[in-house]
Amino acid sequence: MKEVLETIARALVDTPDEVNVTEIEHEDGTITLELRVASGDMGKVIGKQGRIAKAIRTVVKAAASNENKKVSVDIV
């Protein structure tokens, strides 16, 4: 899932070198992916009214469901 999120984020931003995804695994088996981008690219990743962020979360959750895992995406 980390690779999927990185690929999507790099395609959206102007500075793909500054895209960083951190994977945090919790004790209950859930995984949190933290997406960090350049401050100027934050709006491109979030989108108007959060539509792009919601779409990114949907795609990542779909990829995770194929592997029977629970994943959440945090954009920081």
PDB file of N, CA and C in Angstrom:
ATOM      1  N   MET A   1       0.819  -1.191   0.000  1.00  0.00           N
ATOM      2  CA  MET A   1       0.000   0.000   0.000  1.00  0.00           C
ATOM      3  C   MET A   1       0.869   1.264   0.000  1.00  0.00           C
ATOM      4  N   LYS A   2       2.004   1.177   0.641  1.00  0.00           N
ATOM      5  CA  LYS A   2       2.903   2.327   0.705  1.00  0.00           C
ATOM      6  C   LYS A   2       3.317   2.752  -0.706  1.00  0.00           C
ATOM      7  N   GLU A   3       3.614   1.779  -1.554  1.00  0.00           N
ATOM      8  CA  GLU A   3       4.039   2.073  -2.919  1.00  0.00           C
ATOM      9  C   GLU A   3       2.908   2.690  -3.725  1.00  0.00           C
ATOM     10  N   VAL A   4       1.688   2.220  -3.514  1.00  0.00           N
ATOM     11  CA  VAL A   4       0.527   2.767  -4.213  1.00  0.00           C
ATOM     12  C   VAL A   4       0.342   4.232  -3.855  1.00  0.00           C
ATOM     13  N   LEU A   5       0.431   4.541  -2.565  1.00  0.00           N
ATOM     14  CA  LEU A   5       0.266   5.916  -2.107  1.00  0.00           C
ATOM     15  C   LEU A   5       1.374   6.814  -2.650  1.00  0.00           C
ATOM     16  N   GLU A   6       2.612   6.329  -2.642  1.00  0.00           N
ATOM     17  CA  GLU A   6       3.727   7.120  -3.172  1.00  0.00           C
ATOM     18  C   GLU A   6       3.536   7.414  -4.656  1.00  0.00           C
ATOM     19  N   THR A   7       3.122   6.425  -5.413  1.00  0.00           N
ATOM     20  CA  THR A   7       2.931   6.592  -6.850  1.00  0.00           C
ATOM     21  C   THR A   7       1.858   7.628  -7.148  1.00  0.00           C
ATOM     22  N   ILE A   8       0.748   7.551  -6.448  1.00  0.00           N
ATOM     23  CA  ILE A   8      -0.344   8.500  -6.659  1.00  0.00           C
ATOM     24  C   ILE A   8       0.108   9.913  -6.284  1.00  0.00           C
ATOM     25  N   ALA A   9       0.745  10.052  -5.123  1.00  0.00           N
ATOM     26  CA  ALA A   9       1.149  11.370  -4.647  1.00  0.00           C
ATOM     27  C   ALA A   9       2.190  11.992  -5.569  1.00  0.00           C
ATOM     28  N   ARG A  10       3.152  11.208  -6.032  1.00  0.00           N
ATOM     29  CA  ARG A  10       4.188  11.748  -6.916  1.00  0.00           C
ATOM     30  C   ARG A  10       3.598  12.234  -8.238  1.00  0.00           C
ATOM     31  N   ALA A  11       2.532  11.602  -8.702  1.00  0.00           N
ATOM     32  CA  ALA A  11       1.899  12.021  -9.951  1.00  0.00           C
ATOM     33  C   ALA A  11       1.144  13.335  -9.794  1.00  0.00           C
ATOM     34  N   LEU A  12       0.736  13.667  -8.585  1.00  0.00           N
ATOM     35  CA  LEU A  12      -0.082  14.851  -8.355  1.00  0.00           C
ATOM     36  C   LEU A  12       0.721  16.124  -8.085  1.00  0.00           C
ATOM     37  N   VAL A  13       1.888  15.999  -7.496  1.00  0.00           N
ATOM     38  CA  VAL A  13       2.611  17.172  -6.993  1.00  0.00           C
ATOM     39  C   VAL A  13       3.618  17.712  -8.006  1.00  0.00           C
ATOM     40  N   ASP A  14       4.078  18.962  -7.749  1.00  0.00           N
ATOM     41  CA  ASP A  14       5.093  19.585  -8.591  1.00  0.00           C
ATOM     42  C   ASP A  14       6.502  19.140  -8.214  1.00  0.00           C
ATOM     43  N   THR A  15       6.717  18.813  -6.938  1.00  0.00           N
ATOM     44  CA  THR A  15       8.035  18.377  -6.472  1.00  0.00           C
ATOM     45  C   THR A  15       7.947  16.946  -5.936  1.00  0.00           C
ATOM     46  N   PRO A  16       8.000  15.973  -6.843  1.00  0.00           N
ATOM     47  CA  PRO A  16       7.841  14.571  -6.414  1.00  0.00           C
ATOM     48  C   PRO A  16       8.970  14.064  -5.519  1.00  0.00           C
ATOM     49  N   ASP A  17      10.119  14.734  -5.529  1.00  0.00           N
ATOM     50  CA  ASP A  17      11.229  14.299  -4.686  1.00  0.00           C
ATOM     51  C   ASP A  17      10.946  14.513  -3.204  1.00  0.00           C
ATOM     52  N   GLU A  18      10.015  15.407  -2.886  1.00  0.00           N
ATOM     53  CA  GLU A  18       9.710  15.708  -1.494  1.00  0.00           C
ATOM     54  C   GLU A  18       8.549  14.876  -0.939  1.00  0.00           C
ATOM     55  N   VAL A  19       8.055  13.925  -1.718  1.00  0.00           N
ATOM     56  CA  VAL A  19       6.989  13.046  -1.239  1.00  0.00           C
ATOM     57  C   VAL A  19       7.608  12.000  -0.327  1.00  0.00           C
ATOM     58  N   ASN A  20       7.036  11.862   0.866  1.00  0.00           N
ATOM     59  CA  ASN A  20       7.545  10.902   1.838  1.00  0.00           C
ATOM     60  C   ASN A  20       6.363  10.185   2.481  1.00  0.00           C
ATOM     61  N   VAL A  21       6.398   8.866   2.476  1.00  0.00           N
ATOM     62  CA  VAL A  21       5.333   8.065   3.090  1.00  0.00           C
ATOM     63  C   VAL A  21       5.946   7.237   4.207  1.00  0.00           C
ATOM     64  N   THR A  22       5.374   7.371   5.406  1.00  0.00           N
ATOM     65  CA  THR A  22       5.826   6.607   6.562  1.00  0.00           C
ATOM     66  C   THR A  22       4.740   5.612   6.943  1.00  0.00           C
ATOM     67  N   GLU A  23       5.131   4.365   7.122  1.00  0.00           N
ATOM     68  CA  GLU A  23       4.177   3.309   7.476  1.00  0.00           C
ATOM     69  C   GLU A  23       4.299   2.996   8.961  1.00  0.00           C
ATOM     70  N   ILE A  24       3.181   3.103   9.675  1.00  0.00           N
ATOM     71  CA  ILE A  24       3.153   2.824  11.108  1.00  0.00           C
ATOM     72  C   ILE A  24       2.179   1.674  11.342  1.00  0.00           C
ATOM     73  N   GLU A  25       2.697   0.586  11.902  1.00  0.00           N
ATOM     74  CA  GLU A  25       1.840  -0.569  12.188  1.00  0.00           C
ATOM     75  C   GLU A  25       1.464  -0.558  13.663  1.00  0.00           C
ATOM     76  N   HIS A  26       0.173  -0.663  13.937  1.00  0.00           N
ATOM     77  CA  HIS A  26      -0.328  -0.627  15.310  1.00  0.00           C
ATOM     78  C   HIS A  26      -0.505  -2.044  15.852  1.00  0.00           C
ATOM     79  N   GLU A  27      -0.658  -2.123  17.166  1.00  0.00           N
ATOM     80  CA  GLU A  27      -0.777  -3.425  17.829  1.00  0.00           C
ATOM     81  C   GLU A  27      -2.026  -4.182  17.402  1.00  0.00           C
ATOM     82  N   ASP A  28      -3.093  -3.447  17.069  1.00  0.00           N
ATOM     83  CA  ASP A  28      -4.336  -4.121  16.682  1.00  0.00           C
ATOM     84  C   ASP A  28      -4.338  -4.576  15.221  1.00  0.00           C
ATOM     85  N   GLY A  29      -3.211  -4.419  14.531  1.00  0.00           N
ATOM     86  CA  GLY A  29      -3.092  -4.900  13.167  1.00  0.00           C
ATOM     87  C   GLY A  29      -3.384  -3.855  12.099  1.00  0.00           C
ATOM     88  N   THR A  30      -3.862  -2.696  12.495  1.00  0.00           N
ATOM     89  CA  THR A  30      -4.122  -1.652  11.508  1.00  0.00           C
ATOM     90  C   THR A  30      -2.822  -0.947  11.129  1.00  0.00           C
ATOM     91  N   ILE A  31      -2.826  -0.374   9.959  1.00  0.00           N
ATOM     92  CA  ILE A  31      -1.649   0.327   9.449  1.00  0.00           C
ATOM     93  C   ILE A  31      -2.043   1.768   9.150  1.00  0.00           C
ATOM     94  N   THR A  32      -1.209   2.701   9.575  1.00  0.00           N
ATOM     95  CA  THR A  32      -1.406   4.110   9.258  1.00  0.00           C
ATOM     96  C   THR A  32      -0.291   4.542   8.324  1.00  0.00           C
ATOM     97  N   LEU A  33      -0.669   5.127   7.201  1.00  0.00           N
ATOM     98  CA  LEU A  33       0.294   5.668   6.256  1.00  0.00           C
ATOM     99  C   LEU A  33       0.269   7.183   6.376  1.00  0.00           C
ATOM    100  N   GLU A  34       1.410   7.776   6.708  1.00  0.00           N
ATOM    101  CA  GLU A  34       1.506   9.227   6.823  1.00  0.00           C
ATOM    102  C   GLU A  34       2.144   9.758   5.545  1.00  0.00           C
ATOM    103  N   LEU A  35       1.418  10.624   4.854  1.00  0.00           N
ATOM    104  CA  LEU A  35       1.896  11.215   3.615  1.00  0.00           C
ATOM    105  C   LEU A  35       2.374  12.631   3.888  1.00  0.00           C
ATOM    106  N   ARG A  36       3.636  12.892   3.543  1.00  0.00           N
ATOM    107  CA  ARG A  36       4.199  14.233   3.694  1.00  0.00           C
ATOM    108  C   ARG A  36       4.613  14.729   2.313  1.00  0.00           C
ATOM    109  N   VAL A  37       4.175  15.956   1.997  1.00  0.00           N
ATOM    110  CA  VAL A  37       4.554  16.593   0.731  1.00  0.00           C
ATOM    111  C   VAL A  37       5.044  17.998   1.034  1.00  0.00           C
ATOM    112  N   ALA A  38       5.602  18.662   0.034  1.00  0.00           N
ATOM    113  CA  ALA A  38       6.046  20.043   0.202  1.00  0.00           C
ATOM    114  C   ALA A  38       4.837  20.916   0.519  1.00  0.00           C
ATOM    115  N   SER A  39       5.059  21.977   1.281  1.00  0.00           N
ATOM    116  CA  SER A  39       3.934  22.818   1.702  1.00  0.00           C
ATOM    117  C   SER A  39       3.196  23.419   0.512  1.00  0.00           C
ATOM    118  N   GLY A  40       3.889  23.696  -0.577  1.00  0.00           N
ATOM    119  CA  GLY A  40       3.245  24.242  -1.766  1.00  0.00           C
ATOM    120  C   GLY A  40       2.386  23.235  -2.506  1.00  0.00           C
ATOM    121  N   ASP A  41       2.629  21.955  -2.262  1.00  0.00           N
ATOM    122  CA  ASP A  41       1.881  20.894  -2.937  1.00  0.00           C
ATOM    123  C   ASP A  41       0.715  20.360  -2.107  1.00  0.00           C
ATOM    124  N   MET A  42       0.566  20.854  -0.893  1.00  0.00           N
ATOM    125  CA  MET A  42      -0.464  20.335  -0.004  1.00  0.00           C
ATOM    126  C   MET A  42      -1.857  20.467  -0.629  1.00  0.00           C
ATOM    127  N   GLY A  43      -2.131  21.595  -1.247  1.00  0.00           N
ATOM    128  CA  GLY A  43      -3.448  21.802  -1.850  1.00  0.00           C
ATOM    129  C   GLY A  43      -3.734  20.847  -2.993  1.00  0.00           C
ATOM    130  N   LYS A  44      -2.708  20.461  -3.725  1.00  0.00           N
ATOM    131  CA  LYS A  44      -2.889  19.536  -4.841  1.00  0.00           C
ATOM    132  C   LYS A  44      -3.225  18.134  -4.360  1.00  0.00           C
ATOM    133  N   VAL A  45      -2.713  17.779  -3.199  1.00  0.00           N
ATOM    134  CA  VAL A  45      -2.974  16.443  -2.653  1.00  0.00           C
ATOM    135  C   VAL A  45      -4.339  16.398  -1.966  1.00  0.00           C
ATOM    136  N   ILE A  46      -4.739  17.514  -1.370  1.00  0.00           N
ATOM    137  CA  ILE A  46      -6.024  17.549  -0.671  1.00  0.00           C
ATOM    138  C   ILE A  46      -7.169  17.818  -1.651  1.00  0.00           C
ATOM    139  N   GLY A  47      -6.998  18.774  -2.543  1.00  0.00           N
ATOM    140  CA  GLY A  47      -8.030  19.085  -3.523  1.00  0.00           C
ATOM    141  C   GLY A  47      -9.145  19.934  -2.950  1.00  0.00           C
ATOM    142  N   LYS A  48     -10.023  20.385  -3.834  1.00  0.00           N
ATOM    143  CA  LYS A  48     -11.151  21.209  -3.400  1.00  0.00           C
ATOM    144  C   LYS A  48     -12.089  20.371  -2.541  1.00  0.00           C
ATOM    145  N   GLN A  49     -12.386  20.905  -1.377  1.00  0.00           N
ATOM    146  CA  GLN A  49     -13.267  20.258  -0.404  1.00  0.00           C
ATOM    147  C   GLN A  49     -12.791  18.848  -0.050  1.00  0.00           C
ATOM    148  N   GLY A  50     -11.500  18.571  -0.198  1.00  0.00           N
ATOM    149  CA  GLY A  50     -10.933  17.291   0.195  1.00  0.00           C
ATOM    150  C   GLY A  50     -11.250  16.141  -0.729  1.00  0.00           C
ATOM    151  N   ARG A  51     -11.677  16.446  -1.939  1.00  0.00           N
ATOM    152  CA  ARG A  51     -12.094  15.374  -2.857  1.00  0.00           C
ATOM    153  C   ARG A  51     -10.934  14.479  -3.279  1.00  0.00           C
ATOM    154  N   ILE A  52      -9.784  15.066  -3.567  1.00  0.00           N
ATOM    155  CA  ILE A  52      -8.642  14.248  -3.995  1.00  0.00           C
ATOM    156  C   ILE A  52      -8.142  13.397  -2.836  1.00  0.00           C
ATOM    157  N   ALA A  53      -8.086  13.976  -1.632  1.00  0.00           N
ATOM    158  CA  ALA A  53      -7.662  13.214  -0.451  1.00  0.00           C
ATOM    159  C   ALA A  53      -8.604  12.036  -0.215  1.00  0.00           C
ATOM    160  N   LYS A  54      -9.887  12.261  -0.374  1.00  0.00           N
ATOM    161  CA  LYS A  54     -10.865  11.185  -0.190  1.00  0.00           C
ATOM    162  C   LYS A  54     -10.668  10.091  -1.235  1.00  0.00           C
ATOM    163  N   ALA A  55     -10.401  10.496  -2.481  1.00  0.00           N
ATOM    164  CA  ALA A  55     -10.172   9.515  -3.544  1.00  0.00           C
ATOM    165  C   ALA A  55      -8.905   8.706  -3.285  1.00  0.00           C
ATOM    166  N   ILE A  56      -7.855   9.380  -2.810  1.00  0.00           N
ATOM    167  CA  ILE A  56      -6.612   8.675  -2.484  1.00  0.00           C
ATOM    168  C   ILE A  56      -6.869   7.638  -1.394  1.00  0.00           C
ATOM    169  N   ARG A  57      -7.587   8.045  -0.354  1.00  0.00           N
ATOM    170  CA  ARG A  57      -7.895   7.114   0.746  1.00  0.00           C
ATOM    171  C   ARG A  57      -8.705   5.924   0.246  1.00  0.00           C
ATOM    172  N   THR A  58      -9.644   6.166  -0.661  1.00  0.00           N
ATOM    173  CA  THR A  58     -10.476   5.084  -1.199  1.00  0.00           C
ATOM    174  C   THR A  58      -9.632   4.084  -1.976  1.00  0.00           C
ATOM    175  N   VAL A  59      -8.728   4.572  -2.808  1.00  0.00           N
ATOM    176  CA  VAL A  59      -7.878   3.680  -3.604  1.00  0.00           C
ATOM    177  C   VAL A  59      -6.954   2.862  -2.707  1.00  0.00           C
ATOM    178  N   VAL A  60      -6.364   3.508  -1.709  1.00  0.00           N
ATOM    179  CA  VAL A  60      -5.446   2.794  -0.811  1.00  0.00           C
ATOM    180  C   VAL A  60      -6.205   1.752   0.011  1.00  0.00           C
ATOM    181  N   LYS A  61      -7.396   2.099   0.482  1.00  0.00           N
ATOM    182  CA  LYS A  61      -8.192   1.122   1.239  1.00  0.00           C
ATOM    183  C   LYS A  61      -8.598  -0.056   0.367  1.00  0.00           C
ATOM    184  N   ALA A  62      -8.899   0.203  -0.908  1.00  0.00           N
ATOM    185  CA  ALA A  62      -9.239  -0.890  -1.816  1.00  0.00           C
ATOM    186  C   ALA A  62      -8.050  -1.818  -2.024  1.00  0.00           C
ATOM    187  N   ALA A  63      -6.856  -1.239  -2.168  1.00  0.00           N
ATOM    188  CA  ALA A  63      -5.653  -2.059  -2.316  1.00  0.00           C
ATOM    189  C   ALA A  63      -5.385  -2.866  -1.053  1.00  0.00           C
ATOM    190  N   ALA A  64      -5.660  -2.272   0.091  1.00  0.00           N
ATOM    191  CA  ALA A  64      -5.439  -2.973   1.362  1.00  0.00           C
ATOM    192  C   ALA A  64      -6.448  -4.092   1.562  1.00  0.00           C
ATOM    193  N   SER A  65      -7.667  -3.903   1.100  1.00  0.00           N
ATOM    194  CA  SER A  65      -8.689  -4.937   1.300  1.00  0.00           C
ATOM    195  C   SER A  65      -8.348  -6.194   0.513  1.00  0.00           C
ATOM    196  N   ASN A  66      -7.605  -6.053  -0.593  1.00  0.00           N
ATOM    197  CA  ASN A  66      -7.164  -7.229  -1.335  1.00  0.00           C
ATOM    198  C   ASN A  66      -6.204  -8.077  -0.514  1.00  0.00           C
ATOM    199  N   GLU A  67      -5.513  -7.447   0.435  1.00  0.00           N
ATOM    200  CA  GLU A  67      -4.570  -8.154   1.298  1.00  0.00           C
ATOM    201  C   GLU A  67      -5.135  -8.375   2.695  1.00  0.00           C
ATOM    202  N   ASN A  68      -6.433  -8.124   2.863  1.00  0.00           N
ATOM    203  CA  ASN A  68      -7.125  -8.293   4.147  1.00  0.00           C
ATOM    204  C   ASN A  68      -6.466  -7.494   5.271  1.00  0.00           C
ATOM    205  N   LYS A  69      -6.144  -6.234   4.981  1.00  0.00           N
ATOM    206  CA  LYS A  69      -5.546  -5.352   5.977  1.00  0.00           C
ATOM    207  C   LYS A  69      -6.386  -4.094   6.093  1.00  0.00           C
ATOM    208  N   LYS A  70      -6.319  -3.450   7.253  1.00  0.00           N
ATOM    209  CA  LYS A  70      -7.006  -2.176   7.465  1.00  0.00           C
ATOM    210  C   LYS A  70      -5.964  -1.069   7.446  1.00  0.00           C
ATOM    211  N   VAL A  71      -6.185  -0.085   6.577  1.00  0.00           N
ATOM    212  CA  VAL A  71      -5.225   0.981   6.385  1.00  0.00           C
ATOM    213  C   VAL A  71      -5.944   2.327   6.464  1.00  0.00           C
ATOM    214  N   SER A  72      -5.284   3.288   7.109  1.00  0.00           N
ATOM    215  CA  SER A  72      -5.776   4.656   7.090  1.00  0.00           C
ATOM    216  C   SER A  72      -4.648   5.546   6.565  1.00  0.00           C
ATOM    217  N   VAL A  73      -5.031   6.636   5.893  1.00  0.00           N
ATOM    218  CA  VAL A  73      -4.060   7.561   5.317  1.00  0.00           C
ATOM    219  C   VAL A  73      -4.189   8.892   6.018  1.00  0.00           C
ATOM    220  N   ASP A  74      -3.081   9.390   6.552  1.00  0.00           N
ATOM    221  CA  ASP A  74      -3.021  10.709   7.164  1.00  0.00           C
ATOM    222  C   ASP A  74      -2.135  11.596   6.304  1.00  0.00           C
ATOM    223  N   ILE A  75      -2.648  12.767   5.966  1.00  0.00           N
ATOM    224  CA  ILE A  75      -1.863  13.726   5.203  1.00  0.00           C
ATOM    225  C   ILE A  75      -1.363  14.786   6.155  1.00  0.00           C
ATOM    226  N   VAL A  76      -0.044  14.831   6.357  1.00  0.00           N
ATOM    227  CA  VAL A  76       0.541  15.769   7.325  1.00  0.00           C
ATOM    228  C   VAL A  76       1.514  16.703   6.635  1.00  0.00           C
TER     229      VAL A  76
END
